[in-house]
């Protein structure tokens, strides 16, 4: 198990160098708990997880309303093993040991693949987000937003007028290694506000000092 944990940490460090936000858990039960709380673009799933087997984690994933693509890893590399993994819902299958470059390429390919669920559109006044396509317009004009800006805006839209704390944004949009004392949330919100104001003067994002942020009802 120590070897598997070391491999997971090494892979996570490599993926972060590729500008990916990464969370790591070491067992199936923790994976299911994390997946209930966080929406991921891609899940890299070791088939031989302790506590809850990777196959059972995969089966639970495909039952979600918006299941993320799953890349399954395993030491078993036979055709039968690959077929079994794909039949329970995995989108791709990579036997260990693997080349890191191939892992990165497969993750990026899965992230580009359209989601299995039907498109979801969130709206607030003149602000519209196509969640599946990651496309935002205001007053029918497209906005060019970074991944973090898209993530923050999606959380605010999903809150439907409720106040969202900076801690909640940090947990949902950034990974578990983000510094809780960083000003990255404030800077991302500042840039998002600037882009929203470039289309219409009315600023839809309101700050409640000490509490968080929300979208104005009349924006």
C-alpha atoms as a PDB file:
ATOM      1  CA  UNK A   1       0.000   0.000   0.000  1.00  0.00           C
ATOM      2  CA  UNK A   2       2.867   2.389   0.663  1.00  0.00           C
ATOM      3  CA  UNK A   3       4.053   1.869  -2.925  1.00  0.00           C
ATOM      4  CA  UNK A   4       0.564   2.681  -4.263  1.00  0.00           C
ATOM      5  CA  UNK A   5       0.338   5.837  -2.123  1.00  0.00           C
ATOM      6  CA  UNK A   6       3.770   6.949  -3.328  1.00  0.00           C
ATOM      7  CA  UNK A   7       2.734   6.357  -6.944  1.00  0.00           C
ATOM      8  CA  UNK A   8      -0.489   8.338  -6.465  1.00  0.00           C
ATOM      9  CA  UNK A   9       1.400  11.262  -4.935  1.00  0.00           C
ATOM     10  CA  UNK A  10       3.987  11.221  -7.726  1.00  0.00           C
ATOM     11  CA  UNK A  11       1.291  11.165 -10.395  1.00  0.00           C
ATOM     12  CA  UNK A  12      -0.567  14.016  -8.665  1.00  0.00           C
ATOM     13  CA  UNK A  13       2.590  16.157  -8.571  1.00  0.00           C
ATOM     14  CA  UNK A  14       3.166  15.502 -12.265  1.00  0.00           C
ATOM     15  CA  UNK A  15      -0.421  16.386 -13.193  1.00  0.00           C
ATOM     16  CA  UNK A  16      -0.237  19.617 -11.199  1.00  0.00           C
ATOM     17  CA  UNK A  17       2.865  20.536 -13.217  1.00  0.00           C
ATOM     18  CA  UNK A  18       0.607  20.071 -16.255  1.00  0.00           C
ATOM     19  CA  UNK A  19      -1.706  22.778 -14.815  1.00  0.00           C
ATOM     20  CA  UNK A  20      -4.357  20.333 -13.593  1.00  0.00           C
ATOM     21  CA  UNK A  21      -6.161  20.640 -10.245  1.00  0.00           C
ATOM     22  CA  UNK A  22      -5.844  17.271  -8.504  1.00  0.00           C
ATOM     23  CA  UNK A  23      -7.376  15.638  -5.410  1.00  0.00           C
ATOM     24  CA  UNK A  24      -6.035  12.292  -4.156  1.00  0.00           C
ATOM     25  CA  UNK A  25      -7.760   9.717  -1.943  1.00  0.00           C
ATOM     26  CA  UNK A  26      -6.427   6.305  -0.965  1.00  0.00           C
ATOM     27  CA  UNK A  27      -9.523   4.118  -0.656  1.00  0.00           C
ATOM     28  CA  UNK A  28     -12.886   3.565  -2.298  1.00  0.00           C
ATOM     29  CA  UNK A  29     -14.982   4.844   0.617  1.00  0.00           C
ATOM     30  CA  UNK A  30     -13.125   8.171   0.649  1.00  0.00           C
ATOM     31  CA  UNK A  31     -13.441   8.369  -3.134  1.00  0.00           C
ATOM     32  CA  UNK A  32     -17.228   8.002  -2.974  1.00  0.00           C
ATOM     33  CA  UNK A  33     -17.461  10.643  -0.242  1.00  0.00           C
ATOM     34  CA  UNK A  34     -15.347  13.109  -2.240  1.00  0.00           C
ATOM     35  CA  UNK A  35     -17.306  12.434  -5.436  1.00  0.00           C
ATOM     36  CA  UNK A  36     -20.568  13.264  -3.681  1.00  0.00           C
ATOM     37  CA  UNK A  37     -19.195  16.692  -2.781  1.00  0.00           C
ATOM     38  CA  UNK A  38     -17.163  17.707  -5.835  1.00  0.00           C
ATOM     39  CA  UNK A  39     -17.763  17.669  -9.572  1.00  0.00           C
ATOM     40  CA  UNK A  40     -14.648  16.513 -11.457  1.00  0.00           C
ATOM     41  CA  UNK A  41     -13.766  16.791 -15.138  1.00  0.00           C
ATOM     42  CA  UNK A  42     -12.073  13.365 -15.109  1.00  0.00           C
ATOM     43  CA  UNK A  43     -11.705  10.619 -12.491  1.00  0.00           C
ATOM     44  CA  UNK A  44      -8.554   8.457 -12.568  1.00  0.00           C
ATOM     45  CA  UNK A  45      -9.647   5.323 -10.722  1.00  0.00           C
ATOM     46  CA  UNK A  46      -7.417   2.524  -9.476  1.00  0.00           C
ATOM     47  CA  UNK A  47      -9.408  -0.679  -9.835  1.00  0.00           C
ATOM     48  CA  UNK A  48      -7.816  -2.336  -6.800  1.00  0.00           C
ATOM     49  CA  UNK A  49      -8.880   0.150  -4.121  1.00  0.00           C
ATOM     50  CA  UNK A  50      -9.218  -0.970  -0.484  1.00  0.00           C
ATOM     51  CA  UNK A  51     -12.484  -0.776   1.540  1.00  0.00           C
ATOM     52  CA  UNK A  52     -14.723  -0.220  -1.495  1.00  0.00           C
ATOM     53  CA  UNK A  53     -13.462  -1.865  -4.682  1.00  0.00           C
ATOM     54  CA  UNK A  54     -12.790   0.329  -7.690  1.00  0.00           C
ATOM     55  CA  UNK A  55     -15.451  -1.547  -9.678  1.00  0.00           C
ATOM     56  CA  UNK A  56     -18.090  -0.529  -7.125  1.00  0.00           C
ATOM     57  CA  UNK A  57     -16.883   3.070  -7.175  1.00  0.00           C
ATOM     58  CA  UNK A  58     -17.195   3.066 -10.963  1.00  0.00           C
ATOM     59  CA  UNK A  59     -20.725   1.635 -10.817  1.00  0.00           C
ATOM     60  CA  UNK A  60     -21.720   4.383  -8.369  1.00  0.00           C
ATOM     61  CA  UNK A  61     -20.214   7.046 -10.619  1.00  0.00           C
ATOM     62  CA  UNK A  62     -22.177   6.096 -13.714  1.00  0.00           C
ATOM     63  CA  UNK A  63     -25.417   6.464 -11.730  1.00  0.00           C
ATOM     64  CA  UNK A  64     -24.780  10.187 -11.137  1.00  0.00           C
ATOM     65  CA  UNK A  65     -26.875  12.736 -13.010  1.00  0.00           C
ATOM     66  CA  UNK A  66     -23.709  14.106 -14.643  1.00  0.00           C
ATOM     67  CA  UNK A  67     -21.126  11.317 -14.435  1.00  0.00           C
ATOM     68  CA  UNK A  68     -17.517  12.375 -15.042  1.00  0.00           C
ATOM     69  CA  UNK A  69     -15.386  10.386 -17.501  1.00  0.00           C
ATOM     70  CA  UNK A  70     -13.522   7.553 -15.772  1.00  0.00           C
ATOM     71  CA  UNK A  71     -10.004   6.401 -16.611  1.00  0.00           C
ATOM     72  CA  UNK A  72      -9.443   3.065 -14.880  1.00  0.00           C
ATOM     73  CA  UNK A  73      -5.959   1.935 -13.827  1.00  0.00           C
ATOM     74  CA  UNK A  74      -5.039  -1.623 -12.936  1.00  0.00           C
ATOM     75  CA  UNK A  75      -2.127  -4.025 -12.850  1.00  0.00           C
ATOM     76  CA  UNK A  76      -4.257  -6.581 -14.737  1.00  0.00           C
ATOM     77  CA  UNK A  77      -3.745  -6.041 -18.459  1.00  0.00           C
ATOM     78  CA  UNK A  78      -5.554  -8.910 -20.182  1.00  0.00           C
ATOM     79  CA  UNK A  79      -8.231  -8.287 -22.790  1.00  0.00           C
ATOM     80  CA  UNK A  80     -10.832  -9.777 -20.430  1.00  0.00           C
ATOM     81  CA  UNK A  81      -9.849  -7.321 -17.690  1.00  0.00           C
ATOM     82  CA  UNK A  82     -10.128  -4.381 -20.050  1.00  0.00           C
ATOM     83  CA  UNK A  83     -13.516  -5.547 -21.282  1.00  0.00           C
ATOM     84  CA  UNK A  84     -14.731  -5.996 -17.703  1.00  0.00           C
ATOM     85  CA  UNK A  85     -13.582  -2.490 -16.749  1.00  0.00           C
ATOM     86  CA  UNK A  86     -15.276  -0.883 -19.738  1.00  0.00           C
ATOM     87  CA  UNK A  87     -18.461  -2.904 -19.267  1.00  0.00           C
ATOM     88  CA  UNK A  88     -19.054  -1.499 -15.764  1.00  0.00           C
ATOM     89  CA  UNK A  89     -18.833   2.087 -16.989  1.00  0.00           C
ATOM     90  CA  UNK A  90     -15.185   3.109 -17.380  1.00  0.00           C
ATOM     91  CA  UNK A  91     -14.524   5.344 -20.394  1.00  0.00           C
ATOM     92  CA  UNK A  92     -10.877   4.327 -20.818  1.00  0.00           C
ATOM     93  CA  UNK A  93      -8.506   1.753 -19.387  1.00  0.00           C
ATOM     94  CA  UNK A  94      -4.759   2.005 -18.754  1.00  0.00           C
ATOM     95  CA  UNK A  95      -2.702  -0.948 -17.430  1.00  0.00           C
ATOM     96  CA  UNK A  96       0.128  -0.398 -14.942  1.00  0.00           C
ATOM     97  CA  UNK A  97       2.967   0.322 -15.326  1.00  0.00           C
ATOM     98  CA  UNK A  98       2.197   3.177 -17.701  1.00  0.00           C
ATOM     99  CA  UNK A  99       4.054   6.066 -19.285  1.00  0.00           C
ATOM    100  CA  UNK A 100       3.177   9.360 -17.602  1.00  0.00           C
ATOM    101  CA  UNK A 101       2.916  11.103 -20.987  1.00  0.00           C
ATOM    102  CA  UNK A 102       0.258   8.618 -22.062  1.00  0.00           C
ATOM    103  CA  UNK A 103      -1.689   9.158 -18.847  1.00  0.00           C
ATOM    104  CA  UNK A 104      -1.705  12.923 -19.438  1.00  0.00           C
ATOM    105  CA  UNK A 105      -2.795  12.484 -23.067  1.00  0.00           C
ATOM    106  CA  UNK A 106      -5.639  10.147 -22.089  1.00  0.00           C
ATOM    107  CA  UNK A 107      -6.859  12.484 -19.323  1.00  0.00           C
ATOM    108  CA  UNK A 108      -6.907  15.431 -21.700  1.00  0.00           C
ATOM    109  CA  UNK A 109      -8.731  13.388 -24.334  1.00  0.00           C
ATOM    110  CA  UNK A 110     -11.396  12.402 -21.799  1.00  0.00           C
ATOM    111  CA  UNK A 111     -11.744  16.004 -20.584  1.00  0.00           C
ATOM    112  CA  UNK A 112     -12.478  17.081 -24.175  1.00  0.00           C
ATOM    113  CA  UNK A 113     -15.117  14.398 -24.630  1.00  0.00           C
ATOM    114  CA  UNK A 114     -18.730  15.577 -24.357  1.00  0.00           C
ATOM    115  CA  UNK A 115     -20.446  14.732 -21.082  1.00  0.00           C
ATOM    116  CA  UNK A 116     -22.788  11.790 -21.110  1.00  0.00           C
ATOM    117  CA  UNK A 117     -25.624  13.762 -19.603  1.00  0.00           C
ATOM    118  CA  UNK A 118     -27.821  16.093 -21.589  1.00  0.00           C
ATOM    119  CA  UNK A 119     -26.879  19.737 -21.654  1.00  0.00           C
ATOM    120  CA  UNK A 120     -27.542  21.820 -18.555  1.00  0.00           C
ATOM    121  CA  UNK A 121     -28.151  25.545 -18.867  1.00  0.00           C
ATOM    122  CA  UNK A 122     -27.993  27.912 -15.880  1.00  0.00           C
ATOM    123  CA  UNK A 123     -29.293  31.465 -16.130  1.00  0.00           C
ATOM    124  CA  UNK A 124     -29.610  34.594 -14.040  1.00  0.00           C
ATOM    125  CA  UNK A 125     -31.107  37.651 -15.692  1.00  0.00           C
ATOM    126  CA  UNK A 126     -29.140  38.327 -18.876  1.00  0.00           C
ATOM    127  CA  UNK A 127     -26.398  35.890 -17.819  1.00  0.00           C
ATOM    128  CA  UNK A 128     -26.536  32.379 -19.338  1.00  0.00           C
ATOM    129  CA  UNK A 129     -24.130  29.460 -18.873  1.00  0.00           C
ATOM    130  CA  UNK A 130     -24.185  26.261 -20.892  1.00  0.00           C
ATOM    131  CA  UNK A 131     -22.560  23.981 -18.307  1.00  0.00           C
ATOM    132  CA  UNK A 132     -21.837  21.129 -20.696  1.00  0.00           C
ATOM    133  CA  UNK A 133     -20.164  23.322 -23.322  1.00  0.00           C
ATOM    134  CA  UNK A 134     -18.596  25.619 -20.667  1.00  0.00           C
ATOM    135  CA  UNK A 135     -19.951  28.585 -22.648  1.00  0.00           C
ATOM    136  CA  UNK A 136     -21.170  31.856 -21.092  1.00  0.00           C
ATOM    137  CA  UNK A 137     -23.052  34.796 -22.579  1.00  0.00           C
ATOM    138  CA  UNK A 138     -24.319  38.067 -21.174  1.00  0.00           C
ATOM    139  CA  UNK A 139     -26.860  40.004 -23.208  1.00  0.00           C
ATOM    140  CA  UNK A 140     -26.261  37.388 -25.907  1.00  0.00           C
ATOM    141  CA  UNK A 141     -22.578  38.318 -26.099  1.00  0.00           C
ATOM    142  CA  UNK A 142     -20.052  35.524 -25.431  1.00  0.00           C
ATOM    143  CA  UNK A 143     -17.600  35.944 -22.562  1.00  0.00           C
ATOM    144  CA  UNK A 144     -14.085  34.507 -22.583  1.00  0.00           C
ATOM    145  CA  UNK A 145     -13.597  33.105 -19.078  1.00  0.00           C
ATOM    146  CA  UNK A 146     -10.804  31.038 -17.554  1.00  0.00           C
ATOM    147  CA  UNK A 147     -11.558  27.613 -16.036  1.00  0.00           C
ATOM    148  CA  UNK A 148     -11.517  29.066 -12.518  1.00  0.00           C
ATOM    149  CA  UNK A 149     -13.775  31.974 -13.497  1.00  0.00           C
ATOM    150  CA  UNK A 150     -16.184  29.492 -15.091  1.00  0.00           C
ATOM    151  CA  UNK A 151     -16.100  27.373 -11.955  1.00  0.00           C
ATOM    152  CA  UNK A 152     -16.797  30.313  -9.641  1.00  0.00           C
ATOM    153  CA  UNK A 153     -19.629  31.569 -11.844  1.00  0.00           C
ATOM    154  CA  UNK A 154     -21.195  28.108 -12.021  1.00  0.00           C
ATOM    155  CA  UNK A 155     -21.193  27.785  -8.218  1.00  0.00           C
ATOM    156  CA  UNK A 156     -22.823  31.221  -7.868  1.00  0.00           C
ATOM    157  CA  UNK A 157     -25.454  30.373 -10.494  1.00  0.00           C
ATOM    158  CA  UNK A 158     -26.229  27.042  -8.837  1.00  0.00           C
ATOM    159  CA  UNK A 159     -26.655  28.804  -5.485  1.00  0.00           C
ATOM    160  CA  UNK A 160     -29.699  30.549  -7.007  1.00  0.00           C
ATOM    161  CA  UNK A 161     -29.368  33.769  -5.039  1.00  0.00           C
ATOM    162  CA  UNK A 162     -27.938  32.292  -1.842  1.00  0.00           C
ATOM    163  CA  UNK A 163     -24.694  33.618  -0.363  1.00  0.00           C
ATOM    164  CA  UNK A 164     -21.650  31.455  -1.141  1.00  0.00           C
ATOM    165  CA  UNK A 165     -18.644  31.767   1.166  1.00  0.00           C
ATOM    166  CA  UNK A 166     -15.063  32.126  -0.056  1.00  0.00           C
ATOM    167  CA  UNK A 167     -14.315  28.823   1.700  1.00  0.00           C
ATOM    168  CA  UNK A 168     -17.038  27.063  -0.306  1.00  0.00           C
ATOM    169  CA  UNK A 169     -15.681  28.506  -3.550  1.00  0.00           C
ATOM    170  CA  UNK A 170     -12.148  27.462  -2.650  1.00  0.00           C
ATOM    171  CA  UNK A 171     -13.307  23.914  -1.867  1.00  0.00           C
ATOM    172  CA  UNK A 172     -15.441  23.459  -4.977  1.00  0.00           C
ATOM    173  CA  UNK A 173     -13.360  25.226  -7.640  1.00  0.00           C
ATOM    174  CA  UNK A 174      -9.794  24.655  -6.452  1.00  0.00           C
ATOM    175  CA  UNK A 175      -8.214  21.412  -5.229  1.00  0.00           C
ATOM    176  CA  UNK A 176      -7.531  20.275  -1.680  1.00  0.00           C
ATOM    177  CA  UNK A 177      -4.007  21.686  -1.713  1.00  0.00           C
ATOM    178  CA  UNK A 178      -5.146  25.272  -2.229  1.00  0.00           C
ATOM    179  CA  UNK A 179      -3.993  27.574   0.567  1.00  0.00           C
ATOM    180  CA  UNK A 180      -7.091  28.599   2.592  1.00  0.00           C
ATOM    181  CA  UNK A 181      -5.442  31.956   3.318  1.00  0.00           C
ATOM    182  CA  UNK A 182      -4.723  32.758  -0.314  1.00  0.00           C
ATOM    183  CA  UNK A 183      -6.343  35.701  -2.099  1.00  0.00           C
ATOM    184  CA  UNK A 184      -6.923  33.619  -5.244  1.00  0.00           C
ATOM    185  CA  UNK A 185     -10.725  33.623  -4.775  1.00  0.00           C
ATOM    186  CA  UNK A 186     -10.780  37.404  -4.442  1.00  0.00           C
ATOM    187  CA  UNK A 187      -8.558  37.867  -7.506  1.00  0.00           C
ATOM    188  CA  UNK A 188     -10.620  35.446  -9.597  1.00  0.00           C
ATOM    189  CA  UNK A 189     -13.822  37.232  -8.595  1.00  0.00           C
ATOM    190  CA  UNK A 190     -12.260  40.587  -9.424  1.00  0.00           C
ATOM    191  CA  UNK A 191     -11.371  39.400 -12.928  1.00  0.00           C
ATOM    192  CA  UNK A 192     -14.807  37.811 -13.378  1.00  0.00           C
ATOM    193  CA  UNK A 193     -16.540  41.022 -12.326  1.00  0.00           C
ATOM    194  CA  UNK A 194     -14.442  43.014 -14.785  1.00  0.00           C
ATOM    195  CA  UNK A 195     -15.418  40.716 -17.661  1.00  0.00           C
ATOM    196  CA  UNK A 196     -19.104  40.815 -16.702  1.00  0.00           C
ATOM    197  CA  UNK A 197     -19.017  44.620 -16.536  1.00  0.00           C
ATOM    198  CA  UNK A 198     -17.415  44.842 -19.981  1.00  0.00           C
ATOM    199  CA  UNK A 199     -20.751  43.751 -21.465  1.00  0.00           C
ATOM    200  CA  UNK A 200     -23.215  45.530 -19.144  1.00  0.00           C
ATOM    201  CA  UNK A 201     -22.634  48.174 -16.504  1.00  0.00           C
ATOM    202  CA  UNK A 202     -24.794  46.530 -13.845  1.00  0.00           C
ATOM    203  CA  UNK A 203     -22.584  44.254 -11.731  1.00  0.00           C
ATOM    204  CA  UNK A 204     -24.468  41.055 -10.813  1.00  0.00           C
ATOM    205  CA  UNK A 205     -22.014  39.791  -8.171  1.00  0.00           C
ATOM    206  CA  UNK A 206     -22.518  41.257  -4.699  1.00  0.00           C
ATOM    207  CA  UNK A 207     -20.021  40.945  -1.834  1.00  0.00           C
ATOM    208  CA  UNK A 208     -21.182  40.500   1.754  1.00  0.00           C
ATOM    209  CA  UNK A 209     -18.100  41.237   3.897  1.00  0.00           C
ATOM    210  CA  UNK A 210     -17.318  38.332   6.194  1.00  0.00           C
ATOM    211  CA  UNK A 211     -19.995  36.133   4.606  1.00  0.00           C
ATOM    212  CA  UNK A 212     -19.330  35.662   0.900  1.00  0.00           C
ATOM    213  CA  UNK A 213     -20.797  36.400  -2.509  1.00  0.00           C
ATOM    214  CA  UNK A 214     -24.105  36.109  -4.333  1.00  0.00           C
ATOM    215  CA  UNK A 215     -25.803  37.061  -7.584  1.00  0.00           C
ATOM    216  CA  UNK A 216     -28.247  39.991  -7.261  1.00  0.00           C
ATOM    217  CA  UNK A 217     -31.893  39.144  -7.805  1.00  0.00           C
ATOM    218  CA  UNK A 218     -32.480  42.139 -10.087  1.00  0.00           C
ATOM    219  CA  UNK A 219     -29.293  41.790 -12.171  1.00  0.00           C
END
